[in-house]
Amino acid sequence: MFELAVEILELVESEVAKGISMVEIKARIVAGETPPPEPEPETRLFEVTVVKANARFAWKYNDSGRMIPQIYPADNSAVKERVQFGYLARVKVYSKVVKADGGVPFHEIADQVSKGGVLVTEKLYLKAEDGRLV
């Protein structure tokens, strides 16, 4: 029963975020309707056009809710510890641009990334100016 309540709460929150009124949501629940599943985000290939593109993660967020990116795993980490992509490497990213602190555009990496055989669990991003969508 608890799982159902959580599921309904998540459904209501997602519908409210889309601008659907509580009255309409209640009518849908009473009628037994469920919204269609969210479509998968569109992905594209990002081709690196610099010598090395450093993957970054959201270190923290500014007052506007924009991420403050930092090189993964840290800005001061040794080069061999960083997740980097070389010139002309192609990386699958989400098409939607993510604006970081200062309005700097980034693309979120869509594929899972490993470093030294260990899966990176943070969302990673590439700076849009380090390449192009192909």
N, C-alpha and C. Protein backbone atom coordinates (compact mmCIF):
# COMPACT_ATOMS: atom_id res chain seq x y z
N MET A 1 0.82 -1.19 0.00
CA MET A 1 0.00 0.00 0.00
C MET A 1 0.87 1.27 0.00
N PHE A 2 1.96 1.21 0.79
CA PHE A 2 2.85 2.36 0.86
C PHE A 2 3.46 2.66 -0.51
N GLU A 3 3.85 1.60 -1.24
CA GLU A 3 4.44 1.78 -2.56
C GLU A 3 3.48 2.47 -3.51
N LEU A 4 2.18 2.11 -3.42
CA LEU A 4 1.16 2.73 -4.26
C LEU A 4 1.04 4.22 -3.93
N ALA A 5 1.07 4.54 -2.64
CA ALA A 5 0.97 5.94 -2.24
C ALA A 5 2.15 6.75 -2.76
N VAL A 6 3.34 6.18 -2.69
CA VAL A 6 4.54 6.86 -3.20
C VAL A 6 4.41 7.05 -4.71
N GLU A 7 3.94 6.01 -5.40
CA GLU A 7 3.78 6.09 -6.85
C GLU A 7 2.78 7.19 -7.23
N ILE A 8 1.69 7.29 -6.50
CA ILE A 8 0.68 8.32 -6.78
C ILE A 8 1.26 9.69 -6.51
N LEU A 9 1.99 9.85 -5.41
CA LEU A 9 2.59 11.14 -5.09
C LEU A 9 3.57 11.56 -6.17
N GLU A 10 4.42 10.64 -6.65
CA GLU A 10 5.36 10.96 -7.72
C GLU A 10 4.63 11.35 -9.00
N LEU A 11 3.54 10.65 -9.29
CA LEU A 11 2.74 10.95 -10.47
C LEU A 11 2.16 12.36 -10.38
N VAL A 12 1.59 12.68 -9.22
CA VAL A 12 0.99 14.00 -9.02
C VAL A 12 2.06 15.08 -9.16
N GLU A 13 3.22 14.89 -8.54
CA GLU A 13 4.28 15.88 -8.62
C GLU A 13 4.72 16.11 -10.07
N SER A 14 4.85 15.03 -10.85
CA SER A 14 5.29 15.19 -12.24
C SER A 14 4.22 15.88 -13.07
N GLU A 15 2.96 15.59 -12.80
CA GLU A 15 1.88 16.23 -13.56
C GLU A 15 1.77 17.71 -13.19
N VAL A 16 1.93 18.05 -11.91
CA VAL A 16 1.88 19.45 -11.49
C VAL A 16 3.03 20.21 -12.13
N ALA A 17 4.20 19.59 -12.21
CA ALA A 17 5.36 20.22 -12.84
C ALA A 17 5.09 20.53 -14.30
N LYS A 18 4.22 19.77 -14.95
CA LYS A 18 3.86 20.01 -16.35
C LYS A 18 2.77 21.08 -16.48
N GLY A 19 2.29 21.59 -15.34
CA GLY A 19 1.28 22.63 -15.37
C GLY A 19 -0.15 22.12 -15.38
N ILE A 20 -0.36 20.87 -15.06
CA ILE A 20 -1.71 20.30 -15.03
C ILE A 20 -2.32 20.57 -13.66
N SER A 21 -3.56 21.03 -13.63
CA SER A 21 -4.20 21.42 -12.38
C SER A 21 -4.52 20.21 -11.51
N MET A 22 -4.62 20.44 -10.21
CA MET A 22 -4.96 19.37 -9.26
C MET A 22 -6.35 18.82 -9.55
N VAL A 23 -7.28 19.66 -10.00
CA VAL A 23 -8.63 19.21 -10.32
C VAL A 23 -8.58 18.19 -11.46
N GLU A 24 -7.80 18.49 -12.50
CA GLU A 24 -7.67 17.58 -13.63
C GLU A 24 -6.96 16.28 -13.22
N ILE A 25 -5.94 16.41 -12.37
CA ILE A 25 -5.24 15.22 -11.90
C ILE A 25 -6.19 14.32 -11.11
N LYS A 26 -6.99 14.92 -10.23
CA LYS A 26 -7.95 14.14 -9.43
C LYS A 26 -8.95 13.44 -10.35
N ALA A 27 -9.44 14.14 -11.37
CA ALA A 27 -10.39 13.54 -12.31
C ALA A 27 -9.75 12.35 -13.03
N ARG A 28 -8.48 12.47 -13.39
CA ARG A 28 -7.78 11.37 -14.06
C ARG A 28 -7.62 10.17 -13.14
N ILE A 29 -7.28 10.44 -11.87
CA ILE A 29 -7.11 9.34 -10.91
C ILE A 29 -8.43 8.61 -10.70
N VAL A 30 -9.52 9.38 -10.52
CA VAL A 30 -10.84 8.78 -10.32
C VAL A 30 -11.24 7.95 -11.53
N ALA A 31 -10.93 8.44 -12.72
CA ALA A 31 -11.27 7.73 -13.95
C ALA A 31 -10.33 6.56 -14.23
N GLY A 32 -9.27 6.44 -13.43
CA GLY A 32 -8.34 5.34 -13.63
C GLY A 32 -7.35 5.57 -14.76
N GLU A 33 -7.23 6.81 -15.19
CA GLU A 33 -6.31 7.13 -16.28
C GLU A 33 -4.88 7.27 -15.75
N THR A 34 -3.94 6.90 -16.54
CA THR A 34 -2.54 7.15 -16.21
C THR A 34 -1.93 7.89 -17.40
N PRO A 35 -1.02 8.79 -17.10
CA PRO A 35 -0.41 9.55 -18.20
C PRO A 35 0.51 8.64 -19.02
N PRO A 36 0.74 9.02 -20.26
CA PRO A 36 1.67 8.22 -21.08
C PRO A 36 3.07 8.31 -20.49
N PRO A 37 3.89 7.31 -20.72
CA PRO A 37 5.26 7.36 -20.18
C PRO A 37 6.04 8.50 -20.81
N GLU A 38 7.00 9.00 -20.06
CA GLU A 38 7.86 10.07 -20.56
C GLU A 38 8.68 9.53 -21.73
N PRO A 39 8.81 10.29 -22.81
CA PRO A 39 9.65 9.82 -23.92
C PRO A 39 11.12 9.84 -23.50
N GLU A 40 11.89 8.95 -24.09
CA GLU A 40 13.33 8.92 -23.81
C GLU A 40 13.96 10.21 -24.35
N PRO A 41 14.87 10.81 -23.59
CA PRO A 41 15.52 12.02 -24.09
C PRO A 41 16.31 11.71 -25.36
N GLU A 42 16.33 12.66 -26.27
CA GLU A 42 17.04 12.50 -27.54
C GLU A 42 18.55 12.53 -27.30
N THR A 43 19.26 11.63 -27.96
CA THR A 43 20.72 11.61 -27.85
C THR A 43 21.35 11.86 -29.21
N ARG A 44 22.58 12.35 -29.16
CA ARG A 44 23.37 12.59 -30.37
C ARG A 44 24.81 12.22 -30.07
N LEU A 45 25.62 12.17 -31.09
CA LEU A 45 27.05 11.97 -30.89
C LEU A 45 27.73 13.33 -30.80
N PHE A 46 28.60 13.45 -29.83
CA PHE A 46 29.39 14.66 -29.61
C PHE A 46 30.81 14.32 -30.04
N GLU A 47 31.31 15.03 -31.03
CA GLU A 47 32.67 14.79 -31.51
C GLU A 47 33.60 15.83 -30.91
N VAL A 48 34.63 15.35 -30.22
CA VAL A 48 35.58 16.22 -29.56
C VAL A 48 36.46 16.89 -30.61
N THR A 49 36.59 18.22 -30.52
CA THR A 49 37.39 18.96 -31.49
C THR A 49 38.59 19.65 -30.84
N VAL A 50 38.86 19.34 -29.58
CA VAL A 50 40.04 19.85 -28.89
C VAL A 50 40.96 18.66 -28.62
N VAL A 51 42.18 18.94 -28.20
CA VAL A 51 43.14 17.86 -27.94
C VAL A 51 42.61 16.91 -26.86
N LYS A 52 42.12 17.44 -25.76
CA LYS A 52 41.53 16.64 -24.67
C LYS A 52 40.33 17.39 -24.10
N ALA A 53 39.23 16.69 -23.97
CA ALA A 53 38.03 17.26 -23.34
C ALA A 53 37.85 16.59 -21.99
N ASN A 54 37.87 17.39 -20.93
CA ASN A 54 37.68 16.87 -19.59
C ASN A 54 36.20 16.71 -19.27
N ALA A 55 35.83 15.55 -18.75
CA ALA A 55 34.46 15.37 -18.27
C ALA A 55 34.34 16.11 -16.94
N ARG A 56 33.18 16.68 -16.72
CA ARG A 56 32.95 17.45 -15.49
C ARG A 56 31.68 16.95 -14.82
N PHE A 57 31.55 17.25 -13.55
CA PHE A 57 30.35 16.90 -12.80
C PHE A 57 29.85 18.14 -12.08
N ALA A 58 28.61 18.08 -11.59
CA ALA A 58 28.04 19.22 -10.86
C ALA A 58 28.58 19.20 -9.44
N TRP A 59 29.59 20.01 -9.19
CA TRP A 59 30.24 20.06 -7.88
C TRP A 59 29.27 20.61 -6.86
N LYS A 60 28.58 21.69 -7.21
CA LYS A 60 27.49 22.25 -6.41
C LYS A 60 26.67 23.14 -7.32
N TYR A 61 25.65 23.78 -6.76
CA TYR A 61 24.74 24.61 -7.55
C TYR A 61 24.72 26.03 -7.02
N ASN A 62 24.60 27.00 -7.94
CA ASN A 62 24.55 28.40 -7.51
C ASN A 62 23.13 28.76 -7.05
N ASP A 63 22.92 30.01 -6.68
CA ASP A 63 21.61 30.44 -6.17
C ASP A 63 20.51 30.36 -7.23
N SER A 64 20.89 30.35 -8.51
CA SER A 64 19.92 30.24 -9.59
C SER A 64 19.60 28.79 -9.93
N GLY A 65 20.25 27.84 -9.26
CA GLY A 65 20.02 26.43 -9.52
C GLY A 65 20.87 25.87 -10.64
N ARG A 66 21.80 26.67 -11.15
CA ARG A 66 22.69 26.18 -12.21
C ARG A 66 23.90 25.50 -11.59
N MET A 67 24.34 24.43 -12.24
CA MET A 67 25.48 23.69 -11.70
C MET A 67 26.77 24.50 -11.81
N ILE A 68 27.62 24.27 -10.83
CA ILE A 68 28.99 24.78 -10.87
C ILE A 68 29.84 23.56 -11.18
N PRO A 69 30.30 23.44 -12.42
CA PRO A 69 31.02 22.23 -12.83
C PRO A 69 32.45 22.19 -12.32
N GLN A 70 32.90 20.98 -12.12
CA GLN A 70 34.29 20.74 -11.74
C GLN A 70 34.78 19.54 -12.52
N ILE A 71 36.05 19.56 -12.91
CA ILE A 71 36.63 18.43 -13.61
C ILE A 71 36.50 17.20 -12.73
N TYR A 72 36.13 16.07 -13.34
CA TYR A 72 36.00 14.83 -12.57
C TYR A 72 37.35 14.15 -12.47
N PRO A 73 37.79 13.67 -11.31
CA PRO A 73 37.13 13.66 -10.02
C PRO A 73 37.32 14.93 -9.21
N ALA A 74 38.31 15.78 -9.57
CA ALA A 74 38.50 17.07 -8.91
C ALA A 74 39.35 17.95 -9.81
N ASP A 75 39.17 19.26 -9.69
CA ASP A 75 39.96 20.18 -10.51
C ASP A 75 41.46 20.01 -10.30
N ASN A 76 41.85 19.63 -9.09
CA ASN A 76 43.28 19.50 -8.79
C ASN A 76 43.78 18.07 -8.89
N SER A 77 42.97 17.17 -9.47
CA SER A 77 43.41 15.77 -9.60
C SER A 77 44.45 15.64 -10.71
N ALA A 78 45.27 14.62 -10.57
CA ALA A 78 46.30 14.36 -11.58
C ALA A 78 45.61 14.05 -12.91
N VAL A 79 46.25 14.41 -14.00
CA VAL A 79 45.68 14.21 -15.33
C VAL A 79 45.30 12.75 -15.55
N LYS A 80 46.12 11.81 -15.09
CA LYS A 80 45.84 10.39 -15.30
C LYS A 80 44.58 9.92 -14.56
N GLU A 81 44.11 10.68 -13.57
CA GLU A 81 42.90 10.32 -12.82
C GLU A 81 41.63 10.89 -13.45
N ARG A 82 41.76 11.80 -14.36
CA ARG A 82 40.61 12.47 -14.96
C ARG A 82 39.95 11.61 -16.02
N VAL A 83 38.65 11.87 -16.23
CA VAL A 83 37.95 11.25 -17.35
C VAL A 83 38.10 12.23 -18.51
N GLN A 84 38.84 11.81 -19.53
CA GLN A 84 39.10 12.67 -20.67
C GLN A 84 38.79 11.94 -21.97
N PHE A 85 38.44 12.73 -22.97
CA PHE A 85 38.17 12.21 -24.30
C PHE A 85 39.08 12.95 -25.26
N GLY A 86 39.79 12.20 -26.11
CA GLY A 86 40.76 12.78 -27.03
C GLY A 86 40.13 13.32 -28.31
N TYR A 87 40.95 13.97 -29.07
CA TYR A 87 40.57 14.58 -30.34
C TYR A 87 39.83 13.59 -31.24
N LEU A 88 38.69 13.99 -31.75
CA LEU A 88 37.81 13.24 -32.65
C LEU A 88 37.09 12.06 -31.98
N ALA A 89 37.25 11.91 -30.66
CA ALA A 89 36.47 10.88 -29.95
C ALA A 89 34.99 11.23 -30.08
N ARG A 90 34.16 10.23 -30.19
CA ARG A 90 32.71 10.45 -30.27
C ARG A 90 32.06 9.88 -29.02
N VAL A 91 31.29 10.74 -28.37
CA VAL A 91 30.66 10.39 -27.10
C VAL A 91 29.16 10.62 -27.24
N LYS A 92 28.37 9.65 -26.79
CA LYS A 92 26.91 9.81 -26.84
C LYS A 92 26.47 10.74 -25.71
N VAL A 93 25.77 11.81 -26.10
CA VAL A 93 25.30 12.81 -25.13
C VAL A 93 23.81 13.07 -25.36
N TYR A 94 23.18 13.68 -24.36
CA TYR A 94 21.81 14.13 -24.53
C TYR A 94 21.84 15.44 -25.31
N SER A 95 20.91 15.59 -26.24
CA SER A 95 20.89 16.76 -27.13
C SER A 95 20.65 18.07 -26.39
N LYS A 96 19.83 18.00 -25.35
CA LYS A 96 19.46 19.23 -24.63
C LYS A 96 20.69 19.83 -23.95
N VAL A 97 20.90 21.11 -24.18
CA VAL A 97 22.02 21.83 -23.59
C VAL A 97 21.70 22.15 -22.14
N VAL A 98 22.68 21.94 -21.27
CA VAL A 98 22.56 22.29 -19.86
C VAL A 98 23.39 23.54 -19.65
N LYS A 99 22.74 24.59 -19.16
CA LYS A 99 23.46 25.84 -18.90
C LYS A 99 24.02 25.79 -17.48
N ALA A 100 25.32 25.98 -17.38
CA ALA A 100 25.98 25.97 -16.08
C ALA A 100 26.13 27.39 -15.56
N ASP A 101 26.76 27.53 -14.42
CA ASP A 101 27.04 28.83 -13.83
C ASP A 101 27.69 29.74 -14.87
N GLY A 102 27.22 30.95 -14.98
CA GLY A 102 27.75 31.88 -15.97
C GLY A 102 27.20 31.67 -17.37
N GLY A 103 26.22 30.75 -17.51
CA GLY A 103 25.60 30.50 -18.81
C GLY A 103 26.42 29.63 -19.74
N VAL A 104 27.46 28.98 -19.21
CA VAL A 104 28.33 28.14 -20.04
C VAL A 104 27.55 26.87 -20.44
N PRO A 105 27.45 26.58 -21.75
CA PRO A 105 26.69 25.40 -22.18
C PRO A 105 27.48 24.09 -22.07
N PHE A 106 26.78 23.05 -21.62
CA PHE A 106 27.33 21.71 -21.48
C PHE A 106 26.36 20.70 -22.07
N HIS A 107 26.88 19.52 -22.40
CA HIS A 107 26.05 18.38 -22.80
C HIS A 107 26.28 17.27 -21.79
N GLU A 108 25.18 16.69 -21.28
CA GLU A 108 25.30 15.57 -20.35
C GLU A 108 25.64 14.30 -21.12
N ILE A 109 26.62 13.56 -20.62
CA ILE A 109 27.01 12.30 -21.26
C ILE A 109 25.92 11.27 -21.00
N ALA A 110 25.46 10.62 -22.07
CA ALA A 110 24.35 9.67 -21.97
C ALA A 110 24.83 8.26 -21.62
N ASP A 111 26.02 7.88 -22.03
CA ASP A 111 26.53 6.54 -21.77
C ASP A 111 27.17 6.46 -20.39
N GLN A 112 27.22 5.25 -19.85
CA GLN A 112 27.94 5.05 -18.60
C GLN A 112 29.43 5.16 -18.88
N VAL A 113 30.14 5.72 -17.93
CA VAL A 113 31.58 5.95 -18.08
C VAL A 113 32.31 5.20 -16.97
N SER A 114 33.40 4.55 -17.33
CA SER A 114 34.25 3.88 -16.36
C SER A 114 35.63 4.53 -16.37
N LYS A 115 36.26 4.53 -15.23
CA LYS A 115 37.64 5.02 -15.11
C LYS A 115 38.41 4.00 -14.30
N GLY A 116 39.43 3.42 -14.89
CA GLY A 116 40.22 2.40 -14.20
C GLY A 116 39.40 1.18 -13.83
N GLY A 117 38.41 0.85 -14.67
CA GLY A 117 37.57 -0.31 -14.42
C GLY A 117 36.47 -0.08 -13.42
N VAL A 118 36.34 1.14 -12.92
CA VAL A 118 35.30 1.47 -11.93
C VAL A 118 34.26 2.36 -12.59
N LEU A 119 32.99 2.00 -12.42
CA LEU A 119 31.90 2.78 -13.01
C LEU A 119 31.76 4.11 -12.27
N VAL A 120 31.71 5.19 -13.03
CA VAL A 120 31.51 6.53 -12.47
C VAL A 120 30.01 6.71 -12.25
N THR A 121 29.61 7.02 -11.01
CA THR A 121 28.19 7.11 -10.69
C THR A 121 27.63 8.53 -10.85
N GLU A 122 28.47 9.54 -10.85
CA GLU A 122 28.00 10.90 -11.03
C GLU A 122 27.60 11.14 -12.48
N LYS A 123 26.66 12.06 -12.69
CA LYS A 123 26.36 12.51 -14.05
C LYS A 123 27.56 13.31 -14.52
N LEU A 124 28.01 13.02 -15.73
CA LEU A 124 29.16 13.73 -16.28
C LEU A 124 28.73 14.58 -17.47
N TYR A 125 29.45 15.66 -17.68
CA TYR A 125 29.12 16.63 -18.72
C TYR A 125 30.37 16.98 -19.52
N LEU A 126 30.16 17.36 -20.78
CA LEU A 126 31.23 17.88 -21.62
C LEU A 126 30.88 19.31 -22.00
N LYS A 127 31.89 20.17 -21.95
CA LYS A 127 31.70 21.57 -22.33
C LYS A 127 31.38 21.63 -23.82
N ALA A 128 30.32 22.32 -24.19
CA ALA A 128 29.88 22.38 -25.60
C ALA A 128 30.98 22.93 -26.50
N GLU A 129 31.79 23.84 -26.00
CA GLU A 129 32.84 24.44 -26.85
C GLU A 129 34.00 23.47 -27.11
N ASP A 130 34.01 22.32 -26.43
CA ASP A 130 35.06 21.32 -26.66
C ASP A 130 34.76 20.39 -27.83
N GLY A 131 33.66 20.60 -28.52
CA GLY A 131 33.32 19.74 -29.63
C GLY A 131 32.07 20.20 -30.35
N ARG A 132 31.47 19.26 -31.08
CA ARG A 132 30.25 19.59 -31.84
C ARG A 132 29.36 18.36 -31.92
N LEU A 133 28.07 18.60 -32.08
CA LEU A 133 27.13 17.49 -32.28
C LEU A 133 27.20 17.06 -33.72
N VAL A 134 27.25 15.75 -33.95
CA VAL A 134 27.30 15.24 -35.32
C VAL A 134 26.10 14.36 -35.60
